[in-house]
Amino acid sequence: MARQTTDRTTVVLPPKLKQRATACARRKGVSFSEFVRQVLQEAVSRAPAKPAGGRDPFWTNVPVYDGPVPSDLSVNHDKYLYDEEP
């Protein structure tokens, strides 16, 4: 079996998150590093959600709203762009 190479990566975590992750790793019987690798692998393996129509307006660089700018745009941008509640 071929040996897999790895890269060392430094991640800064809030103390409470690190404590919770360490506790989860302990419960699973794996090291903290292995736990992080497993969680990251699971996260990147999931297929990204596609917005309705299959194209995200952010990446198409075309106007998606040409009316007056709502005062709550920064809070409710998903509602305006994707017709989704936050």
C-alpha atoms as a PDB file:
ATOM      1  CA  MET A   1       0.000   0.000   0.000  1.00  0.00           C
ATOM      2  CA  ALA A   2       1.422   3.413  -1.017  1.00  0.00           C
ATOM      3  CA  ARG A   3       2.155   5.861   1.765  1.00  0.00           C
ATOM      4  CA  GLN A   4      -0.027   8.965   1.667  1.00  0.00           C
ATOM      5  CA  THR A   5       1.750  12.284   2.130  1.00  0.00           C
ATOM      6  CA  THR A   6       0.308  15.010   4.345  1.00  0.00           C
ATOM      7  CA  ASP A   7       0.793  18.743   4.800  1.00  0.00           C
ATOM      8  CA  ARG A   8       1.049  20.321   8.211  1.00  0.00           C
ATOM      9  CA  THR A   9      -1.595  23.035   8.664  1.00  0.00           C
ATOM     10  CA  THR A  10      -2.105  25.474  11.514  1.00  0.00           C
ATOM     11  CA  VAL A  11      -5.667  26.426  12.387  1.00  0.00           C
ATOM     12  CA  VAL A  12      -6.595  28.950  15.062  1.00  0.00           C
ATOM     13  CA  LEU A  13      -9.710  27.913  17.000  1.00  0.00           C
ATOM     14  CA  PRO A  14     -11.698  29.553  19.767  1.00  0.00           C
ATOM     15  CA  PRO A  15     -10.921  27.733  23.049  1.00  0.00           C
ATOM     16  CA  LYS A  16     -14.462  26.416  23.573  1.00  0.00           C
ATOM     17  CA  LEU A  17     -14.606  24.975  20.036  1.00  0.00           C
ATOM     18  CA  LYS A  18     -11.236  23.255  20.540  1.00  0.00           C
ATOM     19  CA  GLN A  19     -12.437  21.804  23.863  1.00  0.00           C
ATOM     20  CA  ARG A  20     -15.639  20.487  22.298  1.00  0.00           C
ATOM     21  CA  ALA A  21     -13.795  19.027  19.296  1.00  0.00           C
ATOM     22  CA  THR A  22     -11.206  17.384  21.551  1.00  0.00           C
ATOM     23  CA  ALA A  23     -13.993  15.854  23.640  1.00  0.00           C
ATOM     24  CA  CYS A  24     -15.692  14.524  20.475  1.00  0.00           C
ATOM     25  CA  ALA A  25     -12.416  13.005  19.302  1.00  0.00           C
ATOM     26  CA  ARG A  26     -11.920  11.323  22.668  1.00  0.00           C
ATOM     27  CA  ARG A  27     -15.439   9.865  22.569  1.00  0.00           C
ATOM     28  CA  LYS A  28     -14.745   8.492  19.067  1.00  0.00           C
ATOM     29  CA  GLY A  29     -11.424   7.062  20.219  1.00  0.00           C
ATOM     30  CA  VAL A  30      -9.322   9.009  17.714  1.00  0.00           C
ATOM     31  CA  SER A  31      -6.731  11.746  17.966  1.00  0.00           C
ATOM     32  CA  PHE A  32      -7.728  15.379  17.598  1.00  0.00           C
ATOM     33  CA  SER A  33      -5.877  15.484  14.254  1.00  0.00           C
ATOM     34  CA  GLU A  34      -7.701  12.414  12.950  1.00  0.00           C
ATOM     35  CA  PHE A  35     -11.021  13.861  14.097  1.00  0.00           C
ATOM     36  CA  VAL A  36     -10.328  17.105  12.202  1.00  0.00           C
ATOM     37  CA  ARG A  37      -9.354  15.134   9.075  1.00  0.00           C
ATOM     38  CA  GLN A  38     -12.563  13.081   9.271  1.00  0.00           C
ATOM     39  CA  VAL A  39     -14.787  16.134   9.750  1.00  0.00           C
ATOM     40  CA  LEU A  40     -13.101  18.022   6.899  1.00  0.00           C
ATOM     41  CA  GLN A  41     -13.338  15.007   4.583  1.00  0.00           C
ATOM     42  CA  GLU A  42     -17.048  14.712   5.327  1.00  0.00           C
ATOM     43  CA  ALA A  43     -17.600  18.437   4.726  1.00  0.00           C
ATOM     44  CA  VAL A  44     -15.791  18.560   1.376  1.00  0.00           C
ATOM     45  CA  SER A  45     -17.402  15.317   0.182  1.00  0.00           C
ATOM     46  CA  ARG A  46     -20.903  16.749   0.338  1.00  0.00           C
ATOM     47  CA  ALA A  47     -22.162  18.119  -2.957  1.00  0.00           C
ATOM     48  CA  PRO A  48     -22.577  21.899  -2.796  1.00  0.00           C
ATOM     49  CA  ALA A  49     -26.159  23.137  -2.822  1.00  0.00           C
ATOM     50  CA  LYS A  50     -27.134  24.724  -6.115  1.00  0.00           C
ATOM     51  CA  PRO A  51     -29.450  27.724  -6.168  1.00  0.00           C
ATOM     52  CA  ALA A  52     -32.648  27.589  -8.234  1.00  0.00           C
ATOM     53  CA  GLY A  53     -31.749  27.817 -11.905  1.00  0.00           C
ATOM     54  CA  GLY A  54     -28.313  26.290 -11.287  1.00  0.00           C
ATOM     55  CA  ARG A  55     -26.337  29.553 -11.455  1.00  0.00           C
ATOM     56  CA  ASP A  56     -25.329  31.718  -8.534  1.00  0.00           C
ATOM     57  CA  PRO A  57     -25.755  35.427  -9.413  1.00  0.00           C
ATOM     58  CA  PHE A  58     -22.630  36.221  -7.387  1.00  0.00           C
ATOM     59  CA  TRP A  59     -20.448  34.360  -9.895  1.00  0.00           C
ATOM     60  CA  THR A  60     -22.277  35.444 -13.053  1.00  0.00           C
ATOM     61  CA  ASN A  61     -21.571  39.132 -12.337  1.00  0.00           C
ATOM     62  CA  VAL A  62     -24.928  40.290 -13.670  1.00  0.00           C
ATOM     63  CA  PRO A  63     -27.460  42.506 -11.908  1.00  0.00           C
ATOM     64  CA  VAL A  64     -30.030  40.523  -9.966  1.00  0.00           C
ATOM     65  CA  TYR A  65     -32.003  43.427  -8.577  1.00  0.00           C
ATOM     66  CA  ASP A  66     -32.590  46.687 -10.431  1.00  0.00           C
ATOM     67  CA  GLY A  67     -35.123  48.400  -8.166  1.00  0.00           C
ATOM     68  CA  PRO A  68     -34.607  50.591  -5.134  1.00  0.00           C
ATOM     69  CA  VAL A  69     -32.208  49.099  -2.598  1.00  0.00           C
ATOM     70  CA  PRO A  70     -34.051  47.771   0.478  1.00  0.00           C
ATOM     71  CA  SER A  71     -32.781  49.010   3.823  1.00  0.00           C
ATOM     72  CA  ASP A  72     -32.457  45.398   5.078  1.00  0.00           C
ATOM     73  CA  LEU A  73     -30.433  44.125   2.100  1.00  0.00           C
ATOM     74  CA  SER A  74     -27.359  43.145   4.122  1.00  0.00           C
ATOM     75  CA  VAL A  75     -29.460  41.112   6.564  1.00  0.00           C
ATOM     76  CA  ASN A  76     -31.823  39.488   4.058  1.00  0.00           C
ATOM     77  CA  HIS A  77     -29.589  39.090   0.990  1.00  0.00           C
ATOM     78  CA  ASP A  78     -30.438  35.364   0.640  1.00  0.00           C
ATOM     79  CA  LYS A  79     -34.122  36.262   0.494  1.00  0.00           C
ATOM     80  CA  TYR A  80     -33.530  38.795  -2.267  1.00  0.00           C
ATOM     81  CA  LEU A  81     -30.993  36.728  -4.250  1.00  0.00           C
ATOM     82  CA  TYR A  82     -32.319  33.195  -3.817  1.00  0.00           C
ATOM     83  CA  ASP A  83     -35.824  33.644  -2.429  1.00  0.00           C
ATOM     84  CA  GLU A  84     -34.702  31.860   0.768  1.00  0.00           C
ATOM     85  CA  GLU A  85     -35.318  32.900   4.335  1.00  0.00           C
ATOM     86  CA  PRO A  86     -32.158  33.458   6.418  1.00  0.00           C
END
